[in-house]
Amino acid sequence: MWRLLFFSFTLAAAEPADTIVKLLTEQSEAWNRGDIPAFMRTYENSPDTAYVGAAGVTKGYQQVLVRYQKKYSSRQQMGTLRFTDLTVRPLTADVATVTGRFQLTRGKEAGGDASGWFTLILRKTAGGWKIVHDHTS
């Protein structure tokens, strides 16, 4: 009986991790198509959604969307995005964190390559897992 309970817990813990990794894969695919609105569908559409980066804090889904659209206004500036070293840690049934690396590959004229680490906080909503806080450096 104990073995069955442990196995059930392991499967339950793996489910959000697999779902979240799939979500981030879809997010990078949207980016690589040049589709910022589809990329942003992974964020919770809320005034409380936050992006933290070197330039400071951007709060609110609409403001985060506008930030991405201004900073990456051309397909060349968007380049090609890749996520690696993803670690998903479920905190509760409805909240998880993700740490990982991003690699943005693009030409010198478009800003050059960029890479760094990120931490995400996601919340499970009626529409699936959504990013509520993104800290990228």
Protein backbone atom coordinates (compact mmCIF):
# COMPACT_ATOMS: atom_id res chain seq x y z
CA MET A 1 0.00 0.00 0.00
CA TRP A 2 2.79 2.47 0.81
CA ARG A 3 4.38 1.83 -2.55
CA LEU A 4 1.11 2.62 -4.32
CA LEU A 5 0.72 5.89 -2.40
CA PHE A 6 4.30 6.95 -3.23
CA PHE A 7 3.78 6.11 -6.90
CA SER A 8 0.55 8.12 -6.98
CA PHE A 9 2.28 11.12 -5.38
CA THR A 10 5.15 10.92 -7.89
CA LEU A 11 2.72 10.92 -10.82
CA ALA A 12 0.79 13.83 -9.33
CA ALA A 13 4.00 15.85 -8.91
CA ALA A 14 5.12 15.06 -12.48
CA GLU A 15 1.83 16.23 -14.06
CA PRO A 16 2.25 19.97 -13.49
CA ALA A 17 5.95 19.78 -14.42
CA ASP A 18 5.20 18.08 -17.75
CA THR A 19 2.36 20.49 -18.47
CA ILE A 20 4.47 23.55 -17.62
CA VAL A 21 7.43 22.39 -19.73
CA LYS A 22 5.01 21.87 -22.64
CA LEU A 23 3.62 25.37 -22.06
CA LEU A 24 7.12 26.89 -22.18
CA THR A 25 7.92 24.92 -25.33
CA GLU A 26 4.79 26.34 -26.97
CA GLN A 27 5.79 29.80 -25.72
CA SER A 28 9.24 29.62 -27.36
CA GLU A 29 7.68 28.26 -30.57
CA ALA A 30 5.33 31.27 -30.68
CA TRP A 31 8.30 33.59 -30.16
CA ASN A 32 10.23 31.90 -32.94
CA ARG A 33 7.28 32.43 -35.30
CA GLY A 34 7.38 36.15 -34.41
CA ASP A 35 4.00 35.89 -32.65
CA ILE A 36 4.22 38.00 -29.48
CA PRO A 37 0.44 37.82 -28.75
CA ALA A 38 0.64 33.98 -28.77
CA PHE A 39 3.82 34.15 -26.64
CA MET A 40 1.89 36.29 -24.15
CA ARG A 41 -0.98 33.77 -23.85
CA THR A 42 1.21 31.96 -21.32
CA TYR A 43 0.91 34.97 -18.97
CA GLU A 44 -2.13 35.56 -16.78
CA ASN A 45 -4.21 38.39 -18.21
CA SER A 46 -4.27 40.34 -14.96
CA PRO A 47 -3.24 43.77 -13.70
CA ASP A 48 -1.14 41.89 -11.10
CA THR A 49 1.03 40.04 -13.64
CA ALA A 50 4.62 41.26 -13.29
CA TYR A 51 7.82 41.18 -15.33
CA VAL A 52 11.08 42.03 -13.53
CA GLY A 53 14.20 42.72 -15.56
CA ALA A 54 17.30 44.89 -15.60
CA ALA A 55 15.24 48.01 -16.40
CA GLY A 56 12.87 47.49 -13.45
CA VAL A 57 9.37 46.13 -12.87
CA THR A 58 6.59 46.13 -15.44
CA LYS A 59 3.23 45.42 -13.85
CA GLY A 60 0.05 44.40 -15.63
CA TYR A 61 -0.54 42.03 -18.52
CA GLN A 62 -1.17 44.83 -21.03
CA GLN A 63 1.96 46.69 -19.95
CA VAL A 64 4.09 43.53 -20.25
CA LEU A 65 2.67 42.96 -23.75
CA VAL A 66 3.49 46.54 -24.78
CA ARG A 67 7.01 46.17 -23.32
CA TYR A 68 7.67 43.09 -25.46
CA GLN A 69 6.19 44.73 -28.56
CA LYS A 70 8.38 47.86 -28.15
CA LYS A 71 11.60 46.05 -27.25
CA TYR A 72 11.17 43.43 -30.00
CA SER A 73 9.48 45.45 -32.73
CA SER A 74 10.95 43.47 -35.64
CA ARG A 75 11.39 39.80 -36.43
CA GLN A 76 15.16 40.35 -36.48
CA GLN A 77 15.13 41.78 -32.94
CA MET A 78 13.14 38.76 -31.75
CA GLY A 79 15.69 36.31 -33.12
CA THR A 80 15.40 32.67 -32.07
CA LEU A 81 14.57 31.78 -28.46
CA ARG A 82 15.57 28.60 -26.68
CA PHE A 83 14.96 27.53 -23.07
CA THR A 84 17.27 25.07 -21.29
CA ASP A 85 18.00 23.80 -17.78
CA LEU A 86 14.33 23.97 -16.81
CA THR A 87 13.52 23.00 -13.23
CA VAL A 88 9.84 22.97 -12.28
CA ARG A 89 9.00 22.92 -8.60
CA PRO A 90 5.33 22.54 -7.63
CA LEU A 91 4.71 24.46 -4.40
CA THR A 92 1.02 23.63 -4.07
CA ALA A 93 -1.57 22.02 -6.34
CA ASP A 94 -2.11 25.44 -7.96
CA VAL A 95 1.28 27.19 -7.74
CA ALA A 96 4.69 26.27 -9.17
CA THR A 97 8.05 27.89 -9.83
CA VAL A 98 10.32 27.39 -12.81
CA THR A 99 13.98 28.27 -13.10
CA GLY A 100 15.84 28.02 -16.34
CA ARG A 101 18.13 29.59 -18.90
CA PHE A 102 17.16 31.47 -22.02
CA GLN A 103 19.25 31.87 -25.16
CA LEU A 104 18.25 34.47 -27.71
CA THR A 105 20.15 34.13 -30.98
CA ARG A 106 20.10 37.07 -33.37
CA GLY A 107 22.34 39.10 -35.63
CA LYS A 108 24.59 41.89 -34.43
CA GLU A 109 22.50 44.49 -36.24
CA ALA A 110 19.46 43.35 -34.23
CA GLY A 111 21.19 43.62 -30.85
CA GLY A 112 23.32 40.47 -30.85
CA ASP A 113 22.86 37.31 -28.86
CA ALA A 114 21.50 37.46 -25.32
CA SER A 115 21.28 34.86 -22.59
CA GLY A 116 20.57 34.61 -18.92
CA TRP A 117 18.52 33.01 -16.18
CA PHE A 118 14.86 33.36 -15.32
CA THR A 119 12.52 32.45 -12.50
CA LEU A 120 8.80 32.17 -13.14
CA ILE A 121 5.89 31.81 -10.76
CA LEU A 122 2.90 30.14 -12.35
CA ARG A 123 -0.64 29.71 -11.11
CA LYS A 124 -3.11 27.08 -12.27
CA THR A 125 -6.22 28.84 -13.56
CA ALA A 126 -9.41 27.73 -15.27
CA GLY A 127 -7.52 28.39 -18.53
CA GLY A 128 -4.51 26.28 -17.49
CA TRP A 129 -1.13 27.21 -16.02
CA LYS A 130 -0.30 30.90 -16.41
CA ILE A 131 2.78 32.97 -15.58
CA VAL A 132 1.99 35.54 -12.89
CA HIS A 133 5.56 36.67 -12.18
CA ASP A 134 8.59 36.61 -14.50
CA HIS A 135 12.04 37.62 -13.25
CA THR A 136 14.58 37.50 -16.07
CA SER A 137 18.20 38.56 -15.87
